[in-house]
Amino acid sequence: MSASPQFLFDFGSPNAFLSHEAIPAIEARTGVKFDYVPVLLGGIFKATNNRSPAETYAGVKNKREFHQLETERFLRRFKVKPYAWNPNFPVNTL
């Protein structure tokens, strides 16, 4: 028997929420069940001497607009219920 894939998520991550919305379809299609594992993404960034993409790419021209466009495509593809951007994002999850 193979191990179930783990879905590591941070409650403050919009990408984790969106991924969570897509997982049921993957489970239904494949018969695989994901094990949900909460993490503190801020702690992972700190431990790996890294920064969030929101910080890293903050000054990249058109990055925010492209991200929003791709998010809208994802929402349509996976039929995600109404979604609103968090006006306080990014949040410190430590």
PDB file of N, CA and C in Angstrom:
ATOM      1  N   MET A   1       0.845  -1.181   0.000  1.00  0.00           N
ATOM      2  CA  MET A   1       0.000   0.000   0.000  1.00  0.00           C
ATOM      3  C   MET A   1       0.888   1.241   0.000  1.00  0.00           C
ATOM      4  N   SER A   2       0.612   2.168  -0.899  1.00  0.00           N
ATOM      5  CA  SER A   2       1.413   3.385  -0.952  1.00  0.00           C
ATOM      6  C   SER A   2       0.852   4.425   0.013  1.00  0.00           C
ATOM      7  N   ALA A   3       1.719   5.315   0.416  1.00  0.00           N
ATOM      8  CA  ALA A   3       1.327   6.368   1.353  1.00  0.00           C
ATOM      9  C   ALA A   3       0.453   7.398   0.643  1.00  0.00           C
ATOM     10  N   SER A   4      -0.426   8.013   1.400  1.00  0.00           N
ATOM     11  CA  SER A   4      -1.258   9.079   0.847  1.00  0.00           C
ATOM     12  C   SER A   4      -0.414  10.326   0.650  1.00  0.00           C
ATOM     13  N   PRO A   5      -0.702  11.100  -0.402  1.00  0.00           N
ATOM     14  CA  PRO A   5       0.028  12.354  -0.568  1.00  0.00           C
ATOM     15  C   PRO A   5      -0.368  13.324   0.537  1.00  0.00           C
ATOM     16  N   GLN A   6       0.570  14.136   0.946  1.00  0.00           N
ATOM     17  CA  GLN A   6       0.296  15.138   1.971  1.00  0.00           C
ATOM     18  C   GLN A   6       0.037  16.485   1.305  1.00  0.00           C
ATOM     19  N   PHE A   7      -0.935  17.193   1.831  1.00  0.00           N
ATOM     20  CA  PHE A   7      -1.204  18.561   1.407  1.00  0.00           C
ATOM     21  C   PHE A   7      -0.823  19.454   2.577  1.00  0.00           C
ATOM     22  N   LEU A   8       0.332  20.103   2.467  1.00  0.00           N
ATOM     23  CA  LEU A   8       0.802  21.016   3.503  1.00  0.00           C
ATOM     24  C   LEU A   8       0.189  22.381   3.222  1.00  0.00           C
ATOM     25  N   PHE A   9      -0.488  22.944   4.213  1.00  0.00           N
ATOM     26  CA  PHE A   9      -1.186  24.201   3.986  1.00  0.00           C
ATOM     27  C   PHE A   9      -1.027  25.144   5.165  1.00  0.00           C
ATOM     28  N   ASP A  10      -1.122  26.419   4.861  1.00  0.00           N
ATOM     29  CA  ASP A  10      -1.140  27.478   5.865  1.00  0.00           C
ATOM     30  C   ASP A  10      -2.505  28.147   5.751  1.00  0.00           C
ATOM     31  N   PHE A  11      -3.189  28.316   6.867  1.00  0.00           N
ATOM     32  CA  PHE A  11      -4.520  28.916   6.847  1.00  0.00           C
ATOM     33  C   PHE A  11      -4.528  30.314   6.237  1.00  0.00           C
ATOM     34  N   GLY A  12      -3.397  31.013   6.291  1.00  0.00           N
ATOM     35  CA  GLY A  12      -3.328  32.369   5.758  1.00  0.00           C
ATOM     36  C   GLY A  12      -2.989  32.448   4.286  1.00  0.00           C
ATOM     37  N   SER A  13      -2.799  31.316   3.640  1.00  0.00           N
ATOM     38  CA  SER A  13      -2.364  31.308   2.242  1.00  0.00           C
ATOM     39  C   SER A  13      -3.541  31.193   1.281  1.00  0.00           C
ATOM     40  N   PRO A  14      -3.720  32.201   0.405  1.00  0.00           N
ATOM     41  CA  PRO A  14      -4.779  32.089  -0.594  1.00  0.00           C
ATOM     42  C   PRO A  14      -4.543  30.911  -1.544  1.00  0.00           C
ATOM     43  N   ASN A  15      -3.290  30.633  -1.863  1.00  0.00           N
ATOM     44  CA  ASN A  15      -2.997  29.506  -2.754  1.00  0.00           C
ATOM     45  C   ASN A  15      -3.351  28.181  -2.093  1.00  0.00           C
ATOM     46  N   ALA A  16      -3.188  28.092  -0.782  1.00  0.00           N
ATOM     47  CA  ALA A  16      -3.586  26.873  -0.072  1.00  0.00           C
ATOM     48  C   ALA A  16      -5.101  26.697  -0.151  1.00  0.00           C
ATOM     49  N   PHE A  17      -5.835  27.784   0.006  1.00  0.00           N
ATOM     50  CA  PHE A  17      -7.295  27.708  -0.101  1.00  0.00           C
ATOM     51  C   PHE A  17      -7.702  27.239  -1.488  1.00  0.00           C
ATOM     52  N   LEU A  18      -7.096  27.830  -2.511  1.00  0.00           N
ATOM     53  CA  LEU A  18      -7.448  27.461  -3.881  1.00  0.00           C
ATOM     54  C   LEU A  18      -7.090  26.004  -4.168  1.00  0.00           C
ATOM     55  N   SER A  19      -5.948  25.574  -3.682  1.00  0.00           N
ATOM     56  CA  SER A  19      -5.553  24.172  -3.868  1.00  0.00           C
ATOM     57  C   SER A  19      -6.540  23.240  -3.172  1.00  0.00           C
ATOM     58  N   HIS A  20      -6.943  23.623  -1.967  1.00  0.00           N
ATOM     59  CA  HIS A  20      -7.931  22.836  -1.213  1.00  0.00           C
ATOM     60  C   HIS A  20      -9.225  22.680  -2.015  1.00  0.00           C
ATOM     61  N   GLU A  21      -9.610  23.714  -2.727  1.00  0.00           N
ATOM     62  CA  GLU A  21     -10.825  23.659  -3.534  1.00  0.00           C
ATOM     63  C   GLU A  21     -10.688  22.686  -4.707  1.00  0.00           C
ATOM     64  N   ALA A  22      -9.466  22.493  -5.202  1.00  0.00           N
ATOM     65  CA  ALA A  22      -9.235  21.601  -6.344  1.00  0.00           C
ATOM     66  C   ALA A  22      -9.043  20.145  -5.917  1.00  0.00           C
ATOM     67  N   ILE A  23      -8.654  19.922  -4.680  1.00  0.00           N
ATOM     68  CA  ILE A  23      -8.317  18.568  -4.217  1.00  0.00           C
ATOM     69  C   ILE A  23      -9.482  17.574  -4.309  1.00  0.00           C
ATOM     70  N   PRO A  24     -10.722  17.933  -3.962  1.00  0.00           N
ATOM     71  CA  PRO A  24     -11.799  16.936  -4.058  1.00  0.00           C
ATOM     72  C   PRO A  24     -11.948  16.331  -5.459  1.00  0.00           C
ATOM     73  N   ALA A  25     -11.793  17.144  -6.494  1.00  0.00           N
ATOM     74  CA  ALA A  25     -11.896  16.621  -7.864  1.00  0.00           C
ATOM     75  C   ALA A  25     -10.751  15.659  -8.161  1.00  0.00           C
ATOM     76  N   ILE A  26      -9.572  15.966  -7.658  1.00  0.00           N
ATOM     77  CA  ILE A  26      -8.417  15.079  -7.850  1.00  0.00           C
ATOM     78  C   ILE A  26      -8.661  13.759  -7.123  1.00  0.00           C
ATOM     79  N   GLU A  27      -9.169  13.858  -5.892  1.00  0.00           N
ATOM     80  CA  GLU A  27      -9.459  12.642  -5.122  1.00  0.00           C
ATOM     81  C   GLU A  27     -10.523  11.792  -5.820  1.00  0.00           C
ATOM     82  N   ALA A  28     -11.555  12.439  -6.346  1.00  0.00           N
ATOM     83  CA  ALA A  28     -12.627  11.703  -7.023  1.00  0.00           C
ATOM     84  C   ALA A  28     -12.119  11.033  -8.299  1.00  0.00           C
ATOM     85  N   ARG A  29     -11.267  11.731  -9.028  1.00  0.00           N
ATOM     86  CA  ARG A  29     -10.755  11.206 -10.294  1.00  0.00           C
ATOM     87  C   ARG A  29      -9.763  10.066 -10.092  1.00  0.00           C
ATOM     88  N   THR A  30      -8.956  10.149  -9.024  1.00  0.00           N
ATOM     89  CA  THR A  30      -7.863   9.188  -8.837  1.00  0.00           C
ATOM     90  C   THR A  30      -8.121   8.150  -7.752  1.00  0.00           C
ATOM     91  N   GLY A  31      -9.071   8.430  -6.853  1.00  0.00           N
ATOM     92  CA  GLY A  31      -9.305   7.532  -5.732  1.00  0.00           C
ATOM     93  C   GLY A  31      -8.293   7.692  -4.608  1.00  0.00           C
ATOM     94  N   VAL A  32      -7.409   8.650  -4.741  1.00  0.00           N
ATOM     95  CA  VAL A  32      -6.383   8.920  -3.726  1.00  0.00           C
ATOM     96  C   VAL A  32      -6.936   9.927  -2.726  1.00  0.00           C
ATOM     97  N   LYS A  33      -6.669   9.707  -1.445  1.00  0.00           N
ATOM     98  CA  LYS A  33      -7.080  10.655  -0.409  1.00  0.00           C
ATOM     99  C   LYS A  33      -5.856  11.403   0.095  1.00  0.00           C
ATOM    100  N   PHE A  34      -5.969  12.716   0.170  1.00  0.00           N
ATOM    101  CA  PHE A  34      -4.881  13.549   0.668  1.00  0.00           C
ATOM    102  C   PHE A  34      -4.935  13.626   2.188  1.00  0.00           C
ATOM    103  N   ASP A  35      -3.779  13.621   2.813  1.00  0.00           N
ATOM    104  CA  ASP A  35      -3.660  13.903   4.240  1.00  0.00           C
ATOM    105  C   ASP A  35      -3.341  15.383   4.387  1.00  0.00           C
ATOM    106  N   TYR A  36      -4.191  16.103   5.115  1.00  0.00           N
ATOM    107  CA  TYR A  36      -3.986  17.538   5.319  1.00  0.00           C
ATOM    108  C   TYR A  36      -3.040  17.753   6.501  1.00  0.00           C
ATOM    109  N   VAL A  37      -2.020  18.570   6.286  1.00  0.00           N
ATOM    110  CA  VAL A  37      -1.026  18.850   7.322  1.00  0.00           C
ATOM    111  C   VAL A  37      -0.870  20.369   7.434  1.00  0.00           C
ATOM    112  N   PRO A  38      -1.312  20.969   8.553  1.00  0.00           N
ATOM    113  CA  PRO A  38      -1.139  22.414   8.710  1.00  0.00           C
ATOM    114  C   PRO A  38       0.325  22.764   8.980  1.00  0.00           C
ATOM    115  N   VAL A  39       0.761  23.865   8.398  1.00  0.00           N
ATOM    116  CA  VAL A  39       2.124  24.366   8.605  1.00  0.00           C
ATOM    117  C   VAL A  39       2.059  25.875   8.799  1.00  0.00           C
ATOM    118  N   LEU A  40       3.141  26.434   9.303  1.00  0.00           N
ATOM    119  CA  LEU A  40       3.288  27.886   9.373  1.00  0.00           C
ATOM    120  C   LEU A  40       4.248  28.283   8.260  1.00  0.00           C
ATOM    121  N   LEU A  41       3.681  28.783   7.177  1.00  0.00           N
ATOM    122  CA  LEU A  41       4.494  29.119   6.015  1.00  0.00           C
ATOM    123  C   LEU A  41       5.541  30.177   6.347  1.00  0.00           C
ATOM    124  N   GLY A  42       5.184  31.114   7.210  1.00  0.00           N
ATOM    125  CA  GLY A  42       6.161  32.123   7.637  1.00  0.00           C
ATOM    126  C   GLY A  42       7.360  31.484   8.317  1.00  0.00           C
ATOM    127  N   GLY A  43       7.112  30.448   9.108  1.00  0.00           N
ATOM    128  CA  GLY A  43       8.197  29.722   9.762  1.00  0.00           C
ATOM    129  C   GLY A  43       9.070  28.985   8.764  1.00  0.00           C
ATOM    130  N   ILE A  44       8.450  28.422   7.730  1.00  0.00           N
ATOM    131  CA  ILE A  44       9.223  27.743   6.683  1.00  0.00           C
ATOM    132  C   ILE A  44      10.091  28.751   5.945  1.00  0.00           C
ATOM    133  N   PHE A  45       9.527  29.907   5.607  1.00  0.00           N
ATOM    134  CA  PHE A  45      10.325  30.946   4.943  1.00  0.00           C
ATOM    135  C   PHE A  45      11.502  31.356   5.819  1.00  0.00           C
ATOM    136  N   LYS A  46      11.242  31.539   7.112  1.00  0.00           N
ATOM    137  CA  LYS A  46      12.305  31.951   8.026  1.00  0.00           C
ATOM    138  C   LYS A  46      13.381  30.873   8.148  1.00  0.00           C
ATOM    139  N   ALA A  47      12.969  29.624   8.307  1.00  0.00           N
ATOM    140  CA  ALA A  47      13.922  28.520   8.475  1.00  0.00           C
ATOM    141  C   ALA A  47      14.782  28.301   7.235  1.00  0.00           C
ATOM    142  N   THR A  48      14.241  28.659   6.070  1.00  0.00           N
ATOM    143  CA  THR A  48      14.979  28.459   4.819  1.00  0.00           C
ATOM    144  C   THR A  48      15.598  29.753   4.307  1.00  0.00           C
ATOM    145  N   ASN A  49      15.561  30.797   5.162  1.00  0.00           N
ATOM    146  CA  ASN A  49      16.105  32.104   4.782  1.00  0.00           C
ATOM    147  C   ASN A  49      15.506  32.570   3.456  1.00  0.00           C
ATOM    148  N   ASN A  50      14.188  32.518   3.386  1.00  0.00           N
ATOM    149  CA  ASN A  50      13.466  32.830   2.169  1.00  0.00           C
ATOM    150  C   ASN A  50      12.410  33.887   2.456  1.00  0.00           C
ATOM    151  N   ARG A  51      11.758  34.366   1.413  1.00  0.00           N
ATOM    152  CA  ARG A  51      10.664  35.326   1.554  1.00  0.00           C
ATOM    153  C   ARG A  51       9.486  34.851   0.721  1.00  0.00           C
ATOM    154  N   SER A  52       8.325  35.367   1.044  1.00  0.00           N
ATOM    155  CA  SER A  52       7.131  34.986   0.289  1.00  0.00           C
ATOM    156  C   SER A  52       7.208  35.556  -1.123  1.00  0.00           C
ATOM    157  N   PRO A  53       6.512  34.927  -2.071  1.00  0.00           N
ATOM    158  CA  PRO A  53       6.483  35.481  -3.424  1.00  0.00           C
ATOM    159  C   PRO A  53       5.923  36.902  -3.455  1.00  0.00           C
ATOM    160  N   ALA A  54       4.964  37.206  -2.570  1.00  0.00           N
ATOM    161  CA  ALA A  54       4.398  38.557  -2.531  1.00  0.00           C
ATOM    162  C   ALA A  54       5.476  39.589  -2.230  1.00  0.00           C
ATOM    163  N   GLU A  55       6.413  39.248  -1.366  1.00  0.00           N
ATOM    164  CA  GLU A  55       7.529  40.148  -1.059  1.00  0.00           C
ATOM    165  C   GLU A  55       8.584  40.116  -2.161  1.00  0.00           C
ATOM    166  N   THR A  56       8.934  38.923  -2.582  1.00  0.00           N
ATOM    167  CA  THR A  56      10.012  38.749  -3.549  1.00  0.00           C
ATOM    168  C   THR A  56       9.722  39.447  -4.866  1.00  0.00           C
ATOM    169  N   TYR A  57       8.484  39.347  -5.338  1.00  0.00           N
ATOM    170  CA  TYR A  57       8.149  39.888  -6.658  1.00  0.00           C
ATOM    171  C   TYR A  57       7.331  41.173  -6.596  1.00  0.00           C
ATOM    172  N   ALA A  58       7.338  41.840  -5.453  1.00  0.00           N
ATOM    173  CA  ALA A  58       6.517  43.044  -5.276  1.00  0.00           C
ATOM    174  C   ALA A  58       6.820  44.118  -6.311  1.00  0.00           C
ATOM    175  N   GLY A  59       8.067  44.248  -6.716  1.00  0.00           N
ATOM    176  CA  GLY A  59       8.432  45.302  -7.657  1.00  0.00           C
ATOM    177  C   GLY A  59       8.430  44.890  -9.116  1.00  0.00           C
ATOM    178  N   VAL A  60       8.026  43.668  -9.419  1.00  0.00           N
ATOM    179  CA  VAL A  60       8.048  43.189 -10.803  1.00  0.00           C
ATOM    180  C   VAL A  60       6.835  43.734 -11.548  1.00  0.00           C
ATOM    181  N   LYS A  61       7.116  44.440 -12.640  1.00  0.00           N
ATOM    182  CA  LYS A  61       6.054  45.074 -13.417  1.00  0.00           C
ATOM    183  C   LYS A  61       5.034  44.031 -13.897  1.00  0.00           C
ATOM    184  N   ASN A  62       3.765  44.326 -13.712  1.00  0.00           N
ATOM    185  CA  ASN A  62       2.624  43.517 -14.156  1.00  0.00           C
ATOM    186  C   ASN A  62       2.467  42.180 -13.430  1.00  0.00           C
ATOM    187  N   LYS A  63       3.301  41.896 -12.443  1.00  0.00           N
ATOM    188  CA  LYS A  63       3.222  40.616 -11.734  1.00  0.00           C
ATOM    189  C   LYS A  63       1.870  40.449 -11.042  1.00  0.00           C
ATOM    190  N   ARG A  64       1.425  41.484 -10.332  1.00  0.00           N
ATOM    191  CA  ARG A  64       0.145  41.403  -9.613  1.00  0.00           C
ATOM    192  C   ARG A  64      -1.014  41.191 -10.586  1.00  0.00           C
ATOM    193  N   GLU A  65      -1.006  41.919 -11.690  1.00  0.00           N
ATOM    194  CA  GLU A  65      -2.083  41.792 -12.669  1.00  0.00           C
ATOM    195  C   GLU A  65      -2.112  40.390 -13.279  1.00  0.00           C
ATOM    196  N   PHE A  66      -0.921  39.862 -13.608  1.00  0.00           N
ATOM    197  CA  PHE A  66      -0.849  38.521 -14.182  1.00  0.00           C
ATOM    198  C   PHE A  66      -1.320  37.480 -13.168  1.00  0.00           C
ATOM    199  N   HIS A  67      -0.924  37.657 -11.920  1.00  0.00           N
ATOM    200  CA  HIS A  67      -1.354  36.721 -10.870  1.00  0.00           C
ATOM    201  C   HIS A  67      -2.871  36.736 -10.735  1.00  0.00           C
ATOM    202  N   GLN A  68      -3.455  37.918 -10.780  1.00  0.00           N
ATOM    203  CA  GLN A  68      -4.914  38.010 -10.674  1.00  0.00           C
ATOM    204  C   GLN A  68      -5.595  37.342 -11.869  1.00  0.00           C
ATOM    205  N   LEU A  69      -5.032  37.525 -13.059  1.00  0.00           N
ATOM    206  CA  LEU A  69      -5.579  36.891 -14.253  1.00  0.00           C
ATOM    207  C   LEU A  69      -5.526  35.363 -14.132  1.00  0.00           C
ATOM    208  N   GLU A  70      -4.391  34.842 -13.705  1.00  0.00           N
ATOM    209  CA  GLU A  70      -4.248  33.392 -13.544  1.00  0.00           C
ATOM    210  C   GLU A  70      -5.170  32.855 -12.450  1.00  0.00           C
ATOM    211  N   THR A  71      -5.357  33.628 -11.391  1.00  0.00           N
ATOM    212  CA  THR A  71      -6.267  33.208 -10.324  1.00  0.00           C
ATOM    213  C   THR A  71      -7.694  33.135 -10.850  1.00  0.00           C
ATOM    214  N   GLU A  72      -8.095  34.118 -11.638  1.00  0.00           N
ATOM    215  CA  GLU A  72      -9.443  34.105 -12.217  1.00  0.00           C
ATOM    216  C   GLU A  72      -9.630  32.885 -13.120  1.00  0.00           C
ATOM    217  N   ARG A  73      -8.618  32.534 -13.877  1.00  0.00           N
ATOM    218  CA  ARG A  73      -8.696  31.336 -14.726  1.00  0.00           C
ATOM    219  C   ARG A  73      -8.856  30.079 -13.868  1.00  0.00           C
ATOM    220  N   PHE A  74      -8.104  30.019 -12.785  1.00  0.00           N
ATOM    221  CA  PHE A  74      -8.184  28.873 -11.869  1.00  0.00           C
ATOM    222  C   PHE A  74      -9.586  28.773 -11.277  1.00  0.00           C
ATOM    223  N   LEU A  75     -10.129  29.908 -10.841  1.00  0.00           N
ATOM    224  CA  LEU A  75     -11.465  29.925 -10.240  1.00  0.00           C
ATOM    225  C   LEU A  75     -12.509  29.383 -11.207  1.00  0.00           C
ATOM    226  N   ARG A  76     -12.406  29.780 -12.471  1.00  0.00           N
ATOM    227  CA  ARG A  76     -13.357  29.284 -13.475  1.00  0.00           C
ATOM    228  C   ARG A  76     -13.150  27.794 -13.745  1.00  0.00           C
ATOM    229  N   ARG A  77     -11.889  27.391 -13.908  1.00  0.00           N
ATOM    230  CA  ARG A  77     -11.598  25.994 -14.246  1.00  0.00           C
ATOM    231  C   ARG A  77     -12.102  25.032 -13.170  1.00  0.00           C
ATOM    232  N   PHE A  78     -11.882  25.392 -11.906  1.00  0.00           N
ATOM    233  CA  PHE A  78     -12.250  24.495 -10.812  1.00  0.00           C
ATOM    234  C   PHE A  78     -13.582  24.860 -10.160  1.00  0.00           C
ATOM    235  N   LYS A  79     -14.288  25.813 -10.790  1.00  0.00           N
ATOM    236  CA  LYS A  79     -15.623  26.207 -10.321  1.00  0.00           C
ATOM    237  C   LYS A  79     -15.625  26.524  -8.825  1.00  0.00           C
ATOM    238  N   VAL A  80     -14.674  27.349  -8.434  1.00  0.00           N
ATOM    239  CA  VAL A  80     -14.554  27.748  -7.029  1.00  0.00           C
ATOM    240  C   VAL A  80     -15.651  28.748  -6.711  1.00  0.00           C
ATOM    241  N   LYS A  81     -16.290  28.527  -5.568  1.00  0.00           N
ATOM    242  CA  LYS A  81     -17.354  29.428  -5.129  1.00  0.00           C
ATOM    243  C   LYS A  81     -16.828  30.868  -5.081  1.00  0.00           C
ATOM    244  N   PRO A  82     -17.701  31.842  -4.942  1.00  0.00           N
ATOM    245  CA  PRO A  82     -17.226  33.232  -4.952  1.00  0.00           C
ATOM    246  C   PRO A  82     -15.986  33.428  -4.079  1.00  0.00           C
ATOM    247  N   TYR A  83     -15.052  34.145  -4.628  1.00  0.00           N
ATOM    248  CA  TYR A  83     -13.747  34.335  -3.988  1.00  0.00           C
ATOM    249  C   TYR A  83     -13.457  35.821  -3.910  1.00  0.00           C
ATOM    250  N   ALA A  84     -13.006  36.276  -2.766  1.00  0.00           N
ATOM    251  CA  ALA A  84     -12.641  37.682  -2.590  1.00  0.00           C
ATOM    252  C   ALA A  84     -11.194  37.757  -2.118  1.00  0.00           C
ATOM    253  N   TRP A  85     -10.451  38.670  -2.686  1.00  0.00           N
ATOM    254  CA  TRP A  85      -9.062  38.874  -2.275  1.00  0.00           C
ATOM    255  C   TRP A  85      -9.039  39.428  -0.853  1.00  0.00           C
ATOM    256  N   ASN A  86      -8.130  38.940  -0.039  1.00  0.00           N
ATOM    257  CA  ASN A  86      -7.967  39.439   1.327  1.00  0.00           C
ATOM    258  C   ASN A  86      -7.265  40.793   1.249  1.00  0.00           C
ATOM    259  N   PRO A  87      -7.923  41.872   1.676  1.00  0.00           N
ATOM    260  CA  PRO A  87      -7.295  43.194   1.592  1.00  0.00           C
ATOM    261  C   PRO A  87      -6.095  43.334   2.530  1.00  0.00           C
ATOM    262  N   ASN A  88      -5.939  42.424   3.484  1.00  0.00           N
ATOM    263  CA  ASN A  88      -4.818  42.480   4.428  1.00  0.00           C
ATOM    264  C   ASN A  88      -3.670  41.553   4.049  1.00  0.00           C
ATOM    265  N   PHE A  89      -3.764  40.925   2.873  1.00  0.00           N
ATOM    266  CA  PHE A  89      -2.713  40.003   2.441  1.00  0.00           C
ATOM    267  C   PHE A  89      -1.520  40.793   1.936  1.00  0.00           C
ATOM    268  N   PRO A  90      -0.305  40.363   2.191  1.00  0.00           N
ATOM    269  CA  PRO A  90       0.071  39.149   2.906  1.00  0.00           C
ATOM    270  C   PRO A  90      -0.003  39.346   4.421  1.00  0.00           C
ATOM    271  N   VAL A  91      -0.275  38.266   5.110  1.00  0.00           N
ATOM    272  CA  VAL A  91      -0.353  38.299   6.569  1.00  0.00           C
ATOM    273  C   VAL A  91       0.820  37.532   7.155  1.00  0.00           C
ATOM    274  N   ASN A  92       1.230  37.933   8.341  1.00  0.00           N
ATOM    275  CA  ASN A  92       2.308  37.233   9.040  1.00  0.00           C
ATOM    276  C   ASN A  92       1.694  36.050   9.771  1.00  0.00           C
ATOM    277  N   THR A  93       2.095  34.847   9.402  1.00  0.00           N
ATOM    278  CA  THR A  93       1.496  33.654  10.004  1.00  0.00           C
ATOM    279  C   THR A  93       2.331  33.091  11.146  1.00  0.00           C
ATOM    280  N   LEU A  94       3.265  33.871  11.645  1.00  0.00           N
ATOM    281  CA  LEU A  94       4.051  33.414  12.799  1.00  0.00           C
ATOM    282  C   LEU A  94       3.467  33.964  14.077  1.00  0.00           C
TER     283      LEU A  94
END
